[in-house]
Amino acid sequence: MLYRFGAVVLFGVGTEDRLALFRRLRSDAPAPEEPGDAADLRRAKEGEAEGADASGALILRALDVPSFRVVAEVLARSATLAYYESHLAVVLADLESPIVRLRLEGRLPARTRGLLRSVGEALDTEMRMVGRVEVSEKPEFLWDEPSQDRLYAKLADEYELTDRDRALSRKLDLVTRSVSILMEALSARRSLHVEWAIFALILAEIILLV
């Protein structure tokens, strides 16, 4: 199953076929990236107590299409969260150094290329996450399959979808505030440079007139 937010869930597909599919998808993507995190489910079996057992196998009351659709939805959302979790971790690590320097020394690094690259990466991540899957919302297909509500709630809880999404939102807010602070600091420094340049020009004109 292919999801609009970039996740792919496959059942019963061998390694070679899976890699071939990924290569094909990457060739059609406008801005392809390396495959991200994978949520691997080894096997599923029938049973009354739905959820994962001690061996890691998934227990389903019925091995049918509606049940596997629920499983695919949860795995897709979990993989998407993992992708953004790793990206935000990198962005926050990049922003930490200039923020700490600004706090301790009251100024930014002399060379801003690395800083601007970090800000650009942060803004790119923000834009990507605006349209991310809303994991706290109930999947639309469950309105037509109310019998699968319980299974979805169980699996969503086991994969901590809601808690992870909330943590992700808090980190995104932190990135947004950090970028705003850095951009304001950069703008203030540029304004100061412009003021000094104007002052130097005026001083040069005065010297020439004298």
Foldseek 3Di string as FASTA:
>chain_A
DADPLGFDDDDPDDPVVVVVVLVVVQVPDPDHDPDADFDDADEEEEDDDADADPVRHGYDPDPDDVLVVLVRVLRRLLRLLRRLVVLLVVLCVLLVVQVVCCVPVVAGDPDCPSVVVSLVSLVVSLVSCVPHDPQVDDDPCCVVVVVCPVNNVRSCVVSVSVVSVVVSVVSNVVSVVSSVVVVVRVVVVVVVVVVVVVVVVVVVVVVVVD
